[in-house]
C-alpha atoms as a PDB file:
ATOM      1  CA  UNK A   1     -26.210  -9.314 -23.870  1.00  0.00           C
ATOM      2  CA  UNK A   2     -23.758  -9.806 -20.975  1.00  0.00           C
ATOM      3  CA  UNK A   3     -23.752  -7.949 -17.687  1.00  0.00           C
ATOM      4  CA  UNK A   4     -22.939  -4.277 -17.809  1.00  0.00           C
ATOM      5  CA  UNK A   5     -19.509  -3.414 -16.502  1.00  0.00           C
ATOM      6  CA  UNK A   6     -19.240  -0.382 -14.312  1.00  0.00           C
ATOM      7  CA  UNK A   7     -16.779   2.173 -15.627  1.00  0.00           C
ATOM      8  CA  UNK A   8     -13.768   2.677 -13.430  1.00  0.00           C
ATOM      9  CA  UNK A   9     -11.191   5.406 -13.610  1.00  0.00           C
ATOM     10  CA  UNK A  10      -7.729   3.956 -13.842  1.00  0.00           C
ATOM     11  CA  UNK A  11      -4.362   5.609 -13.898  1.00  0.00           C
ATOM     12  CA  UNK A  12      -1.457   3.683 -15.354  1.00  0.00           C
ATOM     13  CA  UNK A  13       1.986   4.743 -14.223  1.00  0.00           C
ATOM     14  CA  UNK A  14       4.947   3.360 -16.114  1.00  0.00           C
ATOM     15  CA  UNK A  15       7.814   2.526 -13.802  1.00  0.00           C
ATOM     16  CA  UNK A  16      11.521   2.428 -14.588  1.00  0.00           C
ATOM     17  CA  UNK A  17      12.551  -0.632 -12.570  1.00  0.00           C
ATOM     18  CA  UNK A  18      16.218   0.386 -12.711  1.00  0.00           C
ATOM     19  CA  UNK A  19      15.365   3.729 -11.051  1.00  0.00           C
ATOM     20  CA  UNK A  20      12.415   3.069  -8.729  1.00  0.00           C
ATOM     21  CA  UNK A  21      10.183   6.009  -7.935  1.00  0.00           C
ATOM     22  CA  UNK A  22       9.400   7.189  -4.404  1.00  0.00           C
ATOM     23  CA  UNK A  23       5.748   6.246  -5.068  1.00  0.00           C
ATOM     24  CA  UNK A  24       6.657   2.616  -5.822  1.00  0.00           C
ATOM     25  CA  UNK A  25       8.883   2.417  -2.746  1.00  0.00           C
ATOM     26  CA  UNK A  26       6.091   3.901  -0.632  1.00  0.00           C
ATOM     27  CA  UNK A  27       3.349   1.610  -1.963  1.00  0.00           C
ATOM     28  CA  UNK A  28       5.420  -1.595  -2.028  1.00  0.00           C
ATOM     29  CA  UNK A  29       8.114  -1.140   0.638  1.00  0.00           C
ATOM     30  CA  UNK A  30       8.603  -4.880   1.225  1.00  0.00           C
ATOM     31  CA  UNK A  31       9.361  -6.130  -2.308  1.00  0.00           C
ATOM     32  CA  UNK A  32       9.990  -2.745  -3.970  1.00  0.00           C
ATOM     33  CA  UNK A  33       8.755  -4.093  -7.301  1.00  0.00           C
ATOM     34  CA  UNK A  34       5.838  -3.973  -9.708  1.00  0.00           C
ATOM     35  CA  UNK A  35       2.973  -4.653 -10.159  1.00  0.00           C
ATOM     36  CA  UNK A  36       1.125  -2.636  -7.535  1.00  0.00           C
ATOM     37  CA  UNK A  37      -2.591  -1.852  -7.550  1.00  0.00           C
ATOM     38  CA  UNK A  38      -3.678   1.124  -5.457  1.00  0.00           C
ATOM     39  CA  UNK A  39      -7.387   1.139  -4.631  1.00  0.00           C
ATOM     40  CA  UNK A  40      -9.120   3.291  -2.025  1.00  0.00           C
ATOM     41  CA  UNK A  41      -5.672   4.480  -0.873  1.00  0.00           C
ATOM     42  CA  UNK A  42      -4.573   0.885  -0.124  1.00  0.00           C
ATOM     43  CA  UNK A  43      -1.789  -0.853  -2.025  1.00  0.00           C
ATOM     44  CA  UNK A  44      -1.965  -4.464  -3.188  1.00  0.00           C
ATOM     45  CA  UNK A  45       1.078  -6.072  -4.775  1.00  0.00           C
ATOM     46  CA  UNK A  46       1.948  -9.272  -6.662  1.00  0.00           C
ATOM     47  CA  UNK A  47       0.048 -10.347  -9.767  1.00  0.00           C
ATOM     48  CA  UNK A  48      -1.961 -13.221  -8.317  1.00  0.00           C
ATOM     49  CA  UNK A  49      -2.899 -11.326  -5.179  1.00  0.00           C
ATOM     50  CA  UNK A  50      -4.056  -8.392  -7.340  1.00  0.00           C
ATOM     51  CA  UNK A  51      -6.234 -10.726  -9.469  1.00  0.00           C
ATOM     52  CA  UNK A  52      -7.812 -12.250  -6.365  1.00  0.00           C
ATOM     53  CA  UNK A  53      -8.349  -8.793  -4.844  1.00  0.00           C
ATOM     54  CA  UNK A  54     -10.134  -7.603  -7.984  1.00  0.00           C
ATOM     55  CA  UNK A  55     -12.340 -10.723  -7.994  1.00  0.00           C
ATOM     56  CA  UNK A  56     -13.246 -10.244  -4.332  1.00  0.00           C
ATOM     57  CA  UNK A  57     -13.797  -6.483  -4.621  1.00  0.00           C
ATOM     58  CA  UNK A  58     -15.832  -6.454  -7.849  1.00  0.00           C
ATOM     59  CA  UNK A  59     -17.637  -9.814  -7.678  1.00  0.00           C
ATOM     60  CA  UNK A  60     -19.978  -8.892 -10.531  1.00  0.00           C
ATOM     61  CA  UNK A  61     -17.046  -8.830 -13.008  1.00  0.00           C
ATOM     62  CA  UNK A  62     -14.624 -11.626 -12.048  1.00  0.00           C
ATOM     63  CA  UNK A  63     -11.302 -12.067 -13.802  1.00  0.00           C
ATOM     64  CA  UNK A  64     -10.492 -15.572 -12.615  1.00  0.00           C
ATOM     65  CA  UNK A  65     -12.580 -18.476 -13.981  1.00  0.00           C
ATOM     66  CA  UNK A  66     -15.431 -19.937 -11.915  1.00  0.00           C
ATOM     67  CA  UNK A  67     -14.301 -23.519 -12.592  1.00  0.00           C
ATOM     68  CA  UNK A  68     -11.836 -24.642  -9.861  1.00  0.00           C
ATOM     69  CA  UNK A  69      -9.522 -26.414 -12.328  1.00  0.00           C
ATOM     70  CA  UNK A  70      -9.388 -23.423 -14.680  1.00  0.00           C
ATOM     71  CA  UNK A  71      -8.868 -21.165 -11.666  1.00  0.00           C
ATOM     72  CA  UNK A  72      -5.903 -23.316 -10.571  1.00  0.00           C
ATOM     73  CA  UNK A  73      -4.410 -23.080 -14.078  1.00  0.00           C
ATOM     74  CA  UNK A  74      -4.800 -19.296 -14.028  1.00  0.00           C
ATOM     75  CA  UNK A  75      -3.060 -19.116 -10.643  1.00  0.00           C
ATOM     76  CA  UNK A  76      -0.246 -21.337 -11.927  1.00  0.00           C
ATOM     77  CA  UNK A  77       0.392 -19.152 -14.969  1.00  0.00           C
ATOM     78  CA  UNK A  78       0.179 -15.926 -12.957  1.00  0.00           C
ATOM     79  CA  UNK A  79       2.778 -17.249 -10.510  1.00  0.00           C
ATOM     80  CA  UNK A  80       4.947 -18.683 -13.296  1.00  0.00           C
ATOM     81  CA  UNK A  81       5.000 -15.416 -15.231  1.00  0.00           C
ATOM     82  CA  UNK A  82       5.713 -13.372 -12.131  1.00  0.00           C
ATOM     83  CA  UNK A  83       8.684 -15.597 -11.225  1.00  0.00           C
ATOM     84  CA  UNK A  84      10.104 -15.468 -14.771  1.00  0.00           C
ATOM     85  CA  UNK A  85       9.910 -11.659 -14.956  1.00  0.00           C
ATOM     86  CA  UNK A  86      12.061 -11.141 -11.825  1.00  0.00           C
END
């Protein structure tokens, strides 16, 4: 049996990118775009940065692969997808 994951309360907020909410503009004032992760009252934006933040904050449950090559591939695809969604 794998390691037990701690339960976390999450709140998903759907955002209309054509009519940005005051919350989005407050939490991501530089880029004014999604995604944004708010944790402990701090905002983290951009897909890859969010993935790395999660890995560094909850080390017992990493998202990115341990293998450096696989990790590089994951970073590539995260960046690629973020650039194509703009």
